[in-house]
Amino acid sequence: MDENIQLSKELGFLRVGGALPGLRVADVDFNVGAIINTMRKARNQDMQILTFPEMSITGYTIGDLVQHQALLLKAQNGLGKILKESATSTLVVLLNMTLG
Protein backbone atom coordinates (compact mmCIF):
# COMPACT_ATOMS: atom_id res chain seq x y z
CA MET A 1 0.00 0.00 0.00
CA ASP A 2 1.26 3.46 -0.88
CA GLU A 3 2.37 5.31 2.28
CA ASN A 4 0.88 8.57 0.96
CA ILE A 5 -2.64 7.21 0.93
CA GLN A 6 -4.59 8.12 4.07
CA LEU A 7 -7.90 6.51 4.89
CA SER A 8 -10.76 8.72 5.97
CA LYS A 9 -12.16 8.32 9.48
CA GLU A 10 -15.60 8.38 7.86
CA LEU A 11 -15.90 4.78 6.69
CA GLY A 12 -19.59 4.36 7.47
CA PHE A 13 -19.02 2.91 10.92
CA LEU A 14 -20.02 4.14 14.37
CA ARG A 15 -17.53 4.55 17.17
CA VAL A 16 -19.30 2.99 20.15
CA GLY A 17 -17.78 2.87 23.63
CA GLY A 18 -18.69 1.28 26.91
CA ALA A 19 -17.59 3.37 29.88
CA LEU A 20 -16.84 2.15 33.36
CA PRO A 21 -15.76 5.19 35.38
CA GLY A 22 -14.81 4.84 39.03
CA LEU A 23 -18.01 5.48 41.01
CA ARG A 24 -18.93 5.88 44.67
CA VAL A 25 -22.13 4.53 46.21
CA ALA A 26 -24.63 7.35 46.91
CA ASP A 27 -22.07 10.07 46.01
CA VAL A 28 -23.98 11.69 43.18
CA ASP A 29 -21.67 14.70 42.82
CA PHE A 30 -18.59 12.50 42.45
CA ASN A 31 -20.36 10.13 40.03
CA VAL A 32 -21.74 12.92 37.85
CA GLY A 33 -18.26 14.45 37.66
CA ALA A 34 -16.80 11.08 36.63
CA ILE A 35 -19.52 10.63 33.99
CA ILE A 36 -18.97 14.12 32.55
CA ASN A 37 -15.18 13.65 32.47
CA THR A 38 -15.65 10.34 30.67
CA MET A 39 -18.00 12.00 28.17
CA ARG A 40 -15.39 14.67 27.45
CA LYS A 41 -12.69 12.04 26.88
CA ALA A 42 -15.00 10.12 24.55
CA ARG A 43 -15.72 13.25 22.51
CA ASN A 44 -11.98 13.92 22.22
CA GLN A 45 -11.60 10.41 20.80
CA ASP A 46 -14.37 11.03 18.22
CA MET A 47 -16.71 8.58 19.95
CA GLN A 48 -20.29 8.72 18.64
CA ILE A 49 -22.15 6.54 21.15
CA LEU A 50 -21.16 6.03 24.78
CA THR A 51 -22.86 3.69 27.24
CA PHE A 52 -22.62 3.64 31.03
CA PRO A 53 -23.47 0.91 33.54
CA GLU A 54 -26.87 0.76 35.18
CA MET A 55 -27.40 3.29 38.00
CA SER A 56 -24.09 5.09 37.39
CA ILE A 57 -25.40 8.34 38.84
CA THR A 58 -26.20 6.88 42.26
CA GLY A 59 -23.90 3.87 42.36
CA TYR A 60 -25.39 0.43 42.00
CA THR A 61 -25.38 -1.08 45.49
CA ILE A 62 -27.42 1.63 47.20
CA GLY A 63 -30.03 -0.84 48.52
CA ASP A 64 -32.76 0.90 50.52
CA LEU A 65 -31.30 4.32 49.73
CA VAL A 66 -33.11 4.13 46.39
CA GLN A 67 -36.29 5.05 48.27
CA HIS A 68 -34.84 8.22 49.88
CA GLN A 69 -36.23 11.34 48.25
CA ALA A 70 -33.09 13.39 49.00
CA LEU A 71 -30.93 10.98 47.00
CA LEU A 72 -33.46 10.78 44.18
CA LEU A 73 -33.68 14.58 43.95
CA LYS A 74 -29.89 14.84 43.90
CA ALA A 75 -29.78 12.20 41.16
CA GLN A 76 -32.32 14.14 39.09
CA ASN A 77 -30.25 17.30 39.48
CA GLY A 78 -27.14 15.34 38.49
CA LEU A 79 -28.90 14.10 35.39
CA GLY A 80 -29.67 17.73 34.55
CA LYS A 81 -25.93 18.53 34.71
CA ILE A 82 -25.19 15.62 32.39
CA LEU A 83 -27.88 16.77 29.96
CA LYS A 84 -26.47 20.30 30.00
CA GLU A 85 -22.99 18.95 29.27
CA SER A 86 -24.30 16.91 26.34
CA ALA A 87 -26.48 19.66 24.84
CA THR A 88 -23.79 21.00 22.51
CA SER A 89 -22.41 17.63 21.45
CA THR A 90 -23.37 15.03 18.87
CA LEU A 91 -22.22 12.27 21.26
CA VAL A 92 -25.13 9.96 22.13
CA VAL A 93 -24.96 8.96 25.81
CA LEU A 94 -26.91 5.95 27.12
CA LEU A 95 -27.47 6.22 30.84
CA ASN A 96 -29.94 4.24 32.97
CA MET A 97 -31.32 5.90 36.09
CA THR A 98 -33.86 4.47 38.56
CA LEU A 99 -36.12 7.04 40.19
CA GLY A 100 -37.95 5.03 42.80
PDB file of N, CA and C in Angstrom:
ATOM      1  N   MET A   1       0.843  -1.175   0.000  1.00  0.00           N
ATOM      2  CA  MET A   1       0.000   0.000   0.000  1.00  0.00           C
ATOM      3  C   MET A   1       0.887   1.236   0.000  1.00  0.00           C
ATOM      4  N   ASP A   2       0.520   2.205  -0.796  1.00  0.00           N
ATOM      5  CA  ASP A   2       1.262   3.460  -0.882  1.00  0.00           C
ATOM      6  C   ASP A   2       1.184   4.196   0.453  1.00  0.00           C
ATOM      7  N   GLU A   3       2.325   4.628   0.990  1.00  0.00           N
ATOM      8  CA  GLU A   3       2.374   5.311   2.275  1.00  0.00           C
ATOM      9  C   GLU A   3       1.698   6.671   2.242  1.00  0.00           C
ATOM     10  N   ASN A   4       1.505   7.245   1.084  1.00  0.00           N
ATOM     11  CA  ASN A   4       0.883   8.570   0.956  1.00  0.00           C
ATOM     12  C   ASN A   4      -0.639   8.516   0.994  1.00  0.00           C
ATOM     13  N   ILE A   5      -1.189   7.349   0.901  1.00  0.00           N
ATOM     14  CA  ILE A   5      -2.638   7.207   0.927  1.00  0.00           C
ATOM     15  C   ILE A   5      -3.096   7.197   2.383  1.00  0.00           C
ATOM     16  N   GLN A   6      -4.041   8.067   2.711  1.00  0.00           N
ATOM     17  CA  GLN A   6      -4.592   8.120   4.069  1.00  0.00           C
ATOM     18  C   GLN A   6      -6.077   7.798   4.009  1.00  0.00           C
ATOM     19  N   LEU A   7      -6.501   6.882   4.852  1.00  0.00           N
ATOM     20  CA  LEU A   7      -7.900   6.507   4.893  1.00  0.00           C
ATOM     21  C   LEU A   7      -8.685   7.544   5.691  1.00  0.00           C
ATOM     22  N   SER A   8      -9.876   7.812   5.263  1.00  0.00           N
ATOM     23  CA  SER A   8     -10.765   8.718   5.973  1.00  0.00           C
ATOM     24  C   SER A   8     -11.272   8.049   7.241  1.00  0.00           C
ATOM     25  N   LYS A   9     -11.535   8.845   8.265  1.00  0.00           N
ATOM     26  CA  LYS A   9     -12.160   8.321   9.480  1.00  0.00           C
ATOM     27  C   LYS A   9     -13.632   8.008   9.228  1.00  0.00           C
ATOM     28  N   GLU A  10     -14.190   8.564   8.188  1.00  0.00           N
ATOM     29  CA  GLU A  10     -15.603   8.382   7.861  1.00  0.00           C
ATOM     30  C   GLU A  10     -15.777   7.182   6.937  1.00  0.00           C
ATOM     31  N   LEU A  11     -15.776   5.996   7.485  1.00  0.00           N
ATOM     32  CA  LEU A  11     -15.902   4.778   6.695  1.00  0.00           C
ATOM     33  C   LEU A  11     -17.276   4.136   6.816  1.00  0.00           C
ATOM     34  N   GLY A  12     -18.252   4.894   7.337  1.00  0.00           N
ATOM     35  CA  GLY A  12     -19.587   4.356   7.469  1.00  0.00           C
ATOM     36  C   GLY A  12     -19.801   3.540   8.728  1.00  0.00           C
ATOM     37  N   PHE A  13     -18.899   3.644   9.673  1.00  0.00           N
ATOM     38  CA  PHE A  13     -19.017   2.912  10.923  1.00  0.00           C
ATOM     39  C   PHE A  13     -19.273   3.878  12.072  1.00  0.00           C
ATOM     40  N   LEU A  14     -19.840   3.369  13.146  1.00  0.00           N
ATOM     41  CA  LEU A  14     -20.024   4.141  14.368  1.00  0.00           C
ATOM     42  C   LEU A  14     -18.922   3.795  15.348  1.00  0.00           C
ATOM     43  N   ARG A  15     -18.467   4.794  16.069  1.00  0.00           N
ATOM     44  CA  ARG A  15     -17.528   4.546  17.172  1.00  0.00           C
ATOM     45  C   ARG A  15     -18.354   4.464  18.439  1.00  0.00           C
ATOM     46  N   VAL A  16     -18.491   3.257  18.968  1.00  0.00           N
ATOM     47  CA  VAL A  16     -19.303   2.993  20.153  1.00  0.00           C
ATOM     48  C   VAL A  16     -18.378   2.600  21.291  1.00  0.00           C
ATOM     49  N   GLY A  17     -18.615   3.196  22.477  1.00  0.00           N
ATOM     50  CA  GLY A  17     -17.782   2.875  23.626  1.00  0.00           C
ATOM     51  C   GLY A  17     -18.616   2.511  24.835  1.00  0.00           C
ATOM     52  N   GLY A  18     -18.092   1.624  25.623  1.00  0.00           N
ATOM     53  CA  GLY A  18     -18.691   1.280  26.910  1.00  0.00           C
ATOM     54  C   GLY A  18     -17.812   1.852  28.002  1.00  0.00           C
ATOM     55  N   ALA A  19     -18.373   2.692  28.842  1.00  0.00           N
ATOM     56  CA  ALA A  19     -17.589   3.369  29.878  1.00  0.00           C
ATOM     57  C   ALA A  19     -17.812   2.717  31.236  1.00  0.00           C
ATOM     58  N   LEU A  20     -16.756   2.672  32.005  1.00  0.00           N
ATOM     59  CA  LEU A  20     -16.841   2.151  33.363  1.00  0.00           C
ATOM     60  C   LEU A  20     -16.003   3.052  34.275  1.00  0.00           C
ATOM     61  N   PRO A  21     -16.521   4.277  34.523  1.00  0.00           N
ATOM     62  CA  PRO A  21     -15.759   5.187  35.381  1.00  0.00           C
ATOM     63  C   PRO A  21     -15.799   4.722  36.834  1.00  0.00           C
ATOM     64  N   GLY A  22     -14.794   5.132  37.604  1.00  0.00           N
ATOM     65  CA  GLY A  22     -14.813   4.838  39.030  1.00  0.00           C
ATOM     66  C   GLY A  22     -15.967   5.584  39.682  1.00  0.00           C
ATOM     67  N   LEU A  23     -16.819   4.882  40.392  1.00  0.00           N
ATOM     68  CA  LEU A  23     -18.006   5.482  41.007  1.00  0.00           C
ATOM     69  C   LEU A  23     -18.002   5.235  42.506  1.00  0.00           C
ATOM     70  N   ARG A  24     -18.776   6.049  43.224  1.00  0.00           N
ATOM     71  CA  ARG A  24     -18.935   5.879  44.668  1.00  0.00           C
ATOM     72  C   ARG A  24     -20.420   5.721  44.979  1.00  0.00           C
ATOM     73  N   VAL A  25     -20.738   4.788  45.843  1.00  0.00           N
ATOM     74  CA  VAL A  25     -22.133   4.534  46.209  1.00  0.00           C
ATOM     75  C   VAL A  25     -22.720   5.757  46.891  1.00  0.00           C
ATOM     76  N   ALA A  26     -23.846   6.237  46.378  1.00  0.00           N
ATOM     77  CA  ALA A  26     -24.635   7.351  46.905  1.00  0.00           C
ATOM     78  C   ALA A  26     -23.903   8.690  46.887  1.00  0.00           C
ATOM     79  N   ASP A  27     -22.798   8.798  46.145  1.00  0.00           N
ATOM     80  CA  ASP A  27     -22.071  10.068  46.014  1.00  0.00           C
ATOM     81  C   ASP A  27     -22.338  10.631  44.620  1.00  0.00           C
ATOM     82  N   VAL A  28     -23.507  11.232  44.483  1.00  0.00           N
ATOM     83  CA  VAL A  28     -23.977  11.689  43.180  1.00  0.00           C
ATOM     84  C   VAL A  28     -23.028  12.718  42.567  1.00  0.00           C
ATOM     85  N   ASP A  29     -22.561  13.670  43.359  1.00  0.00           N
ATOM     86  CA  ASP A  29     -21.666  14.698  42.817  1.00  0.00           C
ATOM     87  C   ASP A  29     -20.400  14.087  42.226  1.00  0.00           C
ATOM     88  N   PHE A  30     -19.791  13.165  42.946  1.00  0.00           N
ATOM     89  CA  PHE A  30     -18.589  12.497  42.446  1.00  0.00           C
ATOM     90  C   PHE A  30     -18.902  11.725  41.172  1.00  0.00           C
ATOM     91  N   ASN A  31     -19.994  10.968  41.176  1.00  0.00           N
ATOM     92  CA  ASN A  31     -20.356  10.131  40.034  1.00  0.00           C
ATOM     93  C   ASN A  31     -20.673  10.966  38.800  1.00  0.00           C
ATOM     94  N   VAL A  32     -21.415  12.047  38.982  1.00  0.00           N
ATOM     95  CA  VAL A  32     -21.738  12.919  37.850  1.00  0.00           C
ATOM     96  C   VAL A  32     -20.458  13.517  37.276  1.00  0.00           C
ATOM     97  N   GLY A  33     -19.544  13.932  38.138  1.00  0.00           N
ATOM     98  CA  GLY A  33     -18.259  14.445  37.657  1.00  0.00           C
ATOM     99  C   GLY A  33     -17.498  13.409  36.860  1.00  0.00           C
ATOM    100  N   ALA A  34     -17.488  12.167  37.339  1.00  0.00           N
ATOM    101  CA  ALA A  34     -16.803  11.080  36.630  1.00  0.00           C
ATOM    102  C   ALA A  34     -17.462  10.811  35.280  1.00  0.00           C
ATOM    103  N   ILE A  35     -18.785  10.859  35.244  1.00  0.00           N
ATOM    104  CA  ILE A  35     -19.519  10.635  33.991  1.00  0.00           C
ATOM    105  C   ILE A  35     -19.203  11.746  32.990  1.00  0.00           C
ATOM    106  N   ILE A  36     -19.241  12.988  33.441  1.00  0.00           N
ATOM    107  CA  ILE A  36     -18.970  14.120  32.547  1.00  0.00           C
ATOM    108  C   ILE A  36     -17.528  14.076  32.047  1.00  0.00           C
ATOM    109  N   ASN A  37     -16.574  13.763  32.910  1.00  0.00           N
ATOM    110  CA  ASN A  37     -15.177  13.646  32.466  1.00  0.00           C
ATOM    111  C   ASN A  37     -15.022  12.545  31.427  1.00  0.00           C
ATOM    112  N   THR A  38     -15.717  11.438  31.624  1.00  0.00           N
ATOM    113  CA  THR A  38     -15.655  10.336  30.668  1.00  0.00           C
ATOM    114  C   THR A  38     -16.283  10.744  29.338  1.00  0.00           C
ATOM    115  N   MET A  39     -17.374  11.497  29.394  1.00  0.00           N
ATOM    116  CA  MET A  39     -18.001  11.995  28.168  1.00  0.00           C
ATOM    117  C   MET A  39     -17.039  12.898  27.399  1.00  0.00           C
ATOM    118  N   ARG A  40     -16.351  13.766  28.099  1.00  0.00           N
ATOM    119  CA  ARG A  40     -15.392  14.665  27.447  1.00  0.00           C
ATOM    120  C   ARG A  40     -14.262  13.884  26.781  1.00  0.00           C
ATOM    121  N   LYS A  41     -13.750  12.873  27.457  1.00  0.00           N
ATOM    122  CA  LYS A  41     -12.692  12.040  26.877  1.00  0.00           C
ATOM    123  C   LYS A  41     -13.195  11.325  25.628  1.00  0.00           C
ATOM    124  N   ALA A  42     -14.419  10.826  25.700  1.00  0.00           N
ATOM    125  CA  ALA A  42     -14.995  10.117  24.551  1.00  0.00           C
ATOM    126  C   ALA A  42     -15.146  11.049  23.352  1.00  0.00           C
ATOM    127  N   ARG A  43     -15.594  12.273  23.611  1.00  0.00           N
ATOM    128  CA  ARG A  43     -15.719  13.248  22.506  1.00  0.00           C
ATOM    129  C   ARG A  43     -14.356  13.541  21.894  1.00  0.00           C
ATOM    130  N   ASN A  44     -13.322  13.660  22.729  1.00  0.00           N
ATOM    131  CA  ASN A  44     -11.977  13.922  22.223  1.00  0.00           C
ATOM    132  C   ASN A  44     -11.436  12.767  21.385  1.00  0.00           C
ATOM    133  N   GLN A  45     -12.006  11.584  21.566  1.00  0.00           N
ATOM    134  CA  GLN A  45     -11.601  10.408  20.796  1.00  0.00           C
ATOM    135  C   GLN A  45     -12.573  10.132  19.649  1.00  0.00           C
ATOM    136  N   ASP A  46     -13.404  11.125  19.327  1.00  0.00           N
ATOM    137  CA  ASP A  46     -14.369  11.025  18.222  1.00  0.00           C
ATOM    138  C   ASP A  46     -15.376   9.897  18.405  1.00  0.00           C
ATOM    139  N   MET A  47     -15.693   9.586  19.655  1.00  0.00           N
ATOM    140  CA  MET A  47     -16.711   8.575  19.949  1.00  0.00           C
ATOM    141  C   MET A  47     -18.071   9.135  19.524  1.00  0.00           C
ATOM    142  N   GLN A  48     -18.957   8.281  19.062  1.00  0.00           N
ATOM    143  CA  GLN A  48     -20.285   8.716  18.638  1.00  0.00           C
ATOM    144  C   GLN A  48     -21.376   8.244  19.591  1.00  0.00           C
ATOM    145  N   ILE A  49     -21.192   7.077  20.186  1.00  0.00           N
ATOM    146  CA  ILE A  49     -22.151   6.535  21.152  1.00  0.00           C
ATOM    147  C   ILE A  49     -21.364   6.052  22.359  1.00  0.00           C
ATOM    148  N   LEU A  50     -21.835   6.410  23.553  1.00  0.00           N
ATOM    149  CA  LEU A  50     -21.161   6.026  24.783  1.00  0.00           C
ATOM    150  C   LEU A  50     -22.184   5.481  25.769  1.00  0.00           C
ATOM    151  N   THR A  51     -21.937   4.295  26.284  1.00  0.00           N
ATOM    152  CA  THR A  51     -22.858   3.688  27.241  1.00  0.00           C
ATOM    153  C   THR A  51     -22.206   3.620  28.626  1.00  0.00           C
ATOM    154  N   PHE A  52     -23.058   3.736  29.643  1.00  0.00           N
ATOM    155  CA  PHE A  52     -22.621   3.641  31.032  1.00  0.00           C
ATOM    156  C   PHE A  52     -23.363   2.505  31.719  1.00  0.00           C
ATOM    157  N   PRO A  53     -22.787   1.972  32.803  1.00  0.00           N
ATOM    158  CA  PRO A  53     -23.469   0.908  33.543  1.00  0.00           C
ATOM    159  C   PRO A  53     -24.766   1.406  34.185  1.00  0.00           C
ATOM    160  N   GLU A  54     -25.607   0.471  34.493  1.00  0.00           N
ATOM    161  CA  GLU A  54     -26.868   0.759  35.176  1.00  0.00           C
ATOM    162  C   GLU A  54     -26.607   1.509  36.483  1.00  0.00           C
ATOM    163  N   MET A  55     -27.418   2.511  36.758  1.00  0.00           N
ATOM    164  CA  MET A  55     -27.403   3.287  38.004  1.00  0.00           C
ATOM    165  C   MET A  55     -26.050   3.950  38.274  1.00  0.00           C
ATOM    166  N   SER A  56     -25.393   4.435  37.226  1.00  0.00           N
ATOM    167  CA  SER A  56     -24.094   5.085  37.385  1.00  0.00           C
ATOM    168  C   SER A  56     -24.181   6.377  38.191  1.00  0.00           C
ATOM    169  N   ILE A  57     -25.282   7.061  38.124  1.00  0.00           N
ATOM    170  CA  ILE A  57     -25.404   8.337  38.835  1.00  0.00           C
ATOM    171  C   ILE A  57     -25.410   8.128  40.348  1.00  0.00           C
ATOM    172  N   THR A  58     -26.089   7.110  40.816  1.00  0.00           N
ATOM    173  CA  THR A  58     -26.204   6.880  42.257  1.00  0.00           C
ATOM    174  C   THR A  58     -25.235   5.827  42.775  1.00  0.00           C
ATOM    175  N   GLY A  59     -24.704   5.007  41.917  1.00  0.00           N
ATOM    176  CA  GLY A  59     -23.899   3.867  42.360  1.00  0.00           C
ATOM    177  C   GLY A  59     -24.848   2.697  42.557  1.00  0.00           C
ATOM    178  N   TYR A  60     -24.444   1.537  42.115  1.00  0.00           N
ATOM    179  CA  TYR A  60     -25.389   0.426  42.002  1.00  0.00           C
ATOM    180  C   TYR A  60     -25.864  -0.148  43.330  1.00  0.00           C
ATOM    181  N   THR A  61     -25.007  -0.349  44.281  1.00  0.00           N
ATOM    182  CA  THR A  61     -25.380  -1.080  45.495  1.00  0.00           C
ATOM    183  C   THR A  61     -25.952  -0.166  46.577  1.00  0.00           C
ATOM    184  N   ILE A  62     -26.889   0.683  46.214  1.00  0.00           N
ATOM    185  CA  ILE A  62     -27.425   1.627  47.198  1.00  0.00           C
ATOM    186  C   ILE A  62     -28.542   1.040  48.044  1.00  0.00           C
ATOM    187  N   GLY A  63     -29.012  -0.158  47.709  1.00  0.00           N
ATOM    188  CA  GLY A  63     -30.025  -0.843  48.515  1.00  0.00           C
ATOM    189  C   GLY A  63     -31.242   0.017  48.824  1.00  0.00           C
ATOM    190  N   ASP A  64     -31.575   0.146  50.109  1.00  0.00           N
ATOM    191  CA  ASP A  64     -32.757   0.895  50.523  1.00  0.00           C
ATOM    192  C   ASP A  64     -32.654   2.389  50.258  1.00  0.00           C
ATOM    193  N   LEU A  65     -31.453   2.899  50.004  1.00  0.00           N
ATOM    194  CA  LEU A  65     -31.296   4.325  49.729  1.00  0.00           C
ATOM    195  C   LEU A  65     -32.071   4.760  48.489  1.00  0.00           C
ATOM    196  N   VAL A  66     -32.382   3.792  47.611  1.00  0.00           N
ATOM    197  CA  VAL A  66     -33.105   4.130  46.385  1.00  0.00           C
ATOM    198  C   VAL A  66     -34.487   4.714  46.687  1.00  0.00           C
ATOM    199  N   GLN A  67     -34.980   4.523  47.889  1.00  0.00           N
ATOM    200  CA  GLN A  67     -36.290   5.053  48.275  1.00  0.00           C
ATOM    201  C   GLN A  67     -36.192   6.438  48.922  1.00  0.00           C
ATOM    202  N   HIS A  68     -35.001   6.927  49.206  1.00  0.00           N
ATOM    203  CA  HIS A  68     -34.841   8.220  49.878  1.00  0.00           C
ATOM    204  C   HIS A  68     -34.989   9.363  48.878  1.00  0.00           C
ATOM    205  N   GLN A  69     -35.931  10.238  49.164  1.00  0.00           N
ATOM    206  CA  GLN A  69     -36.226  11.336  48.249  1.00  0.00           C
ATOM    207  C   GLN A  69     -35.039  12.283  48.069  1.00  0.00           C
ATOM    208  N   ALA A  70     -34.243  12.492  49.119  1.00  0.00           N
ATOM    209  CA  ALA A  70     -33.089  13.388  49.000  1.00  0.00           C
ATOM    210  C   ALA A  70     -32.102  12.868  47.958  1.00  0.00           C
ATOM    211  N   LEU A  71     -31.844  11.565  47.977  1.00  0.00           N
ATOM    212  CA  LEU A  71     -30.931  10.978  47.000  1.00  0.00           C
ATOM    213  C   LEU A  71     -31.530  11.027  45.603  1.00  0.00           C
ATOM    214  N   LEU A  72     -32.812  10.757  45.495  1.00  0.00           N
ATOM    215  CA  LEU A  72     -33.459  10.779  44.182  1.00  0.00           C
ATOM    216  C   LEU A  72     -33.457  12.183  43.586  1.00  0.00           C
ATOM    217  N   LEU A  73     -33.699  13.193  44.416  1.00  0.00           N
ATOM    218  CA  LEU A  73     -33.675  14.578  43.947  1.00  0.00           C
ATOM    219  C   LEU A  73     -32.264  14.959  43.491  1.00  0.00           C
ATOM    220  N   LYS A  74     -31.279  14.558  44.271  1.00  0.00           N
ATOM    221  CA  LYS A  74     -29.887  14.836  43.903  1.00  0.00           C
ATOM    222  C   LYS A  74     -29.539  14.144  42.581  1.00  0.00           C
ATOM    223  N   ALA A  75     -30.026  12.928  42.405  1.00  0.00           N
ATOM    224  CA  ALA A  75     -29.780  12.198  41.163  1.00  0.00           C
ATOM    225  C   ALA A  75     -30.444  12.897  39.972  1.00  0.00           C
ATOM    226  N   GLN A  76     -31.652  13.404  40.167  1.00  0.00           N
ATOM    227  CA  GLN A  76     -32.323  14.143  39.092  1.00  0.00           C
ATOM    228  C   GLN A  76     -31.539  15.396  38.729  1.00  0.00           C
ATOM    229  N   ASN A  77     -31.050  16.106  39.737  1.00  0.00           N
ATOM    230  CA  ASN A  77     -30.249  17.301  39.480  1.00  0.00           C
ATOM    231  C   ASN A  77     -28.950  16.935  38.766  1.00  0.00           C
ATOM    232  N   GLY A  78     -28.349  15.816  39.165  1.00  0.00           N
ATOM    233  CA  GLY A  78     -27.137  15.335  38.494  1.00  0.00           C
ATOM    234  C   GLY A  78     -27.391  15.006  37.036  1.00  0.00           C
ATOM    235  N   LEU A  79     -28.532  14.398  36.770  1.00  0.00           N
ATOM    236  CA  LEU A  79     -28.900  14.097  35.388  1.00  0.00           C
ATOM    237  C   LEU A  79     -29.025  15.387  34.584  1.00  0.00           C
ATOM    238  N   GLY A  80     -29.568  16.426  35.215  1.00  0.00           N
ATOM    239  CA  GLY A  80     -29.666  17.727  34.552  1.00  0.00           C
ATOM    240  C   GLY A  80     -28.295  18.263  34.156  1.00  0.00           C
ATOM    241  N   LYS A  81     -27.291  18.093  35.022  1.00  0.00           N
ATOM    242  CA  LYS A  81     -25.928  18.533  34.707  1.00  0.00           C
ATOM    243  C   LYS A  81     -25.368  17.747  33.528  1.00  0.00           C
ATOM    244  N   ILE A  82     -25.652  16.452  33.496  1.00  0.00           N
ATOM    245  CA  ILE A  82     -25.186  15.617  32.391  1.00  0.00           C
ATOM    246  C   ILE A  82     -25.867  16.038  31.090  1.00  0.00           C
ATOM    247  N   LEU A  83     -27.154  16.309  31.149  1.00  0.00           N
ATOM    248  CA  LEU A  83     -27.884  16.767  29.960  1.00  0.00           C
ATOM    249  C   LEU A  83     -27.333  18.094  29.459  1.00  0.00           C
ATOM    250  N   LYS A  84     -27.033  18.996  30.378  1.00  0.00           N
ATOM    251  CA  LYS A  84     -26.469  20.298  30.002  1.00  0.00           C
ATOM    252  C   LYS A  84     -25.123  20.114  29.314  1.00  0.00           C
ATOM    253  N   GLU A  85     -24.295  19.233  29.860  1.00  0.00           N
ATOM    254  CA  GLU A  85     -22.985  18.954  29.265  1.00  0.00           C
ATOM    255  C   GLU A  85     -23.120  18.375  27.860  1.00  0.00           C
ATOM    256  N   SER A  86     -24.147  17.577  27.632  1.00  0.00           N
ATOM    257  CA  SER A  86     -24.302  16.908  26.342  1.00  0.00           C
ATOM    258  C   SER A  86     -25.065  17.741  25.312  1.00  0.00           C
ATOM    259  N   ALA A  87     -25.609  18.873  25.720  1.00  0.00           N
ATOM    260  CA  ALA A  87     -26.482  19.657  24.841  1.00  0.00           C
ATOM    261  C   ALA A  87     -25.784  20.175  23.586  1.00  0.00           C
ATOM    262  N   THR A  88     -24.505  20.431  23.663  1.00  0.00           N
ATOM    263  CA  THR A  88     -23.789  21.001  22.513  1.00  0.00           C
ATOM    264  C   THR A  88     -22.959  19.961  21.769  1.00  0.00           C
ATOM    265  N   SER A  89     -23.217  18.705  22.027  1.00  0.00           N
ATOM    266  CA  SER A  89     -22.406  17.634  21.452  1.00  0.00           C
ATOM    267  C   SER A  89     -23.277  16.697  20.620  1.00  0.00           C
ATOM    268  N   THR A  90     -22.661  16.051  19.650  1.00  0.00           N
ATOM    269  CA  THR A  90     -23.367  15.032  18.871  1.00  0.00           C
ATOM    270  C   THR A  90     -23.197  13.639  19.481  1.00  0.00           C
ATOM    271  N   LEU A  91     -22.423  13.547  20.575  1.00  0.00           N
ATOM    272  CA  LEU A  91     -22.224  12.272  21.258  1.00  0.00           C
ATOM    273  C   LEU A  91     -23.551  11.800  21.858  1.00  0.00           C
ATOM    274  N   VAL A  92     -23.932  10.563  21.552  1.00  0.00           N
ATOM    275  CA  VAL A  92     -25.128   9.962  22.133  1.00  0.00           C
ATOM    276  C   VAL A  92     -24.698   9.216  23.392  1.00  0.00           C
ATOM    277  N   VAL A  93     -25.313   9.562  24.526  1.00  0.00           N
ATOM    278  CA  VAL A  93     -24.959   8.956  25.806  1.00  0.00           C
ATOM    279  C   VAL A  93     -26.136   8.122  26.288  1.00  0.00           C
ATOM    280  N   LEU A  94     -25.877   6.855  26.587  1.00  0.00           N
ATOM    281  CA  LEU A  94     -26.911   5.955  27.121  1.00  0.00           C
ATOM    282  C   LEU A  94     -26.642   5.769  28.600  1.00  0.00           C
ATOM    283  N   LEU A  95     -27.631   6.195  29.409  1.00  0.00           N
ATOM    284  CA  LEU A  95     -27.467   6.220  30.840  1.00  0.00           C
ATOM    285  C   LEU A  95     -28.773   5.801  31.476  1.00  0.00           C
ATOM    286  N   ASN A  96     -28.744   4.766  32.316  1.00  0.00           N
ATOM    287  CA  ASN A  96     -29.939   4.237  32.972  1.00  0.00           C
ATOM    288  C   ASN A  96     -30.007   4.815  34.379  1.00  0.00           C
ATOM    289  N   MET A  97     -31.172   5.338  34.757  1.00  0.00           N
ATOM    290  CA  MET A  97     -31.323   5.897  36.093  1.00  0.00           C
ATOM    291  C   MET A  97     -32.660   5.460  36.673  1.00  0.00           C
ATOM    292  N   THR A  98     -32.636   4.877  37.861  1.00  0.00           N
ATOM    293  CA  THR A  98     -33.858   4.468  38.560  1.00  0.00           C
ATOM    294  C   THR A  98     -34.309   5.605  39.452  1.00  0.00           C
ATOM    295  N   LEU A  99     -35.583   5.963  39.351  1.00  0.00           N
ATOM    296  CA  LEU A  99     -36.124   7.044  40.188  1.00  0.00           C
ATOM    297  C   LEU A  99     -37.255   6.535  41.064  1.00  0.00           C
ATOM    298  N   GLY A 100     -36.995   5.520  41.808  1.00  0.00           N
ATOM    299  CA  GLY A 100     -37.950   5.031  42.800  1.00  0.00           C
ATOM    300  C   GLY A 100     -39.147   4.321  42.278  1.00  0.00           C
TER     301      GLY A 100
END
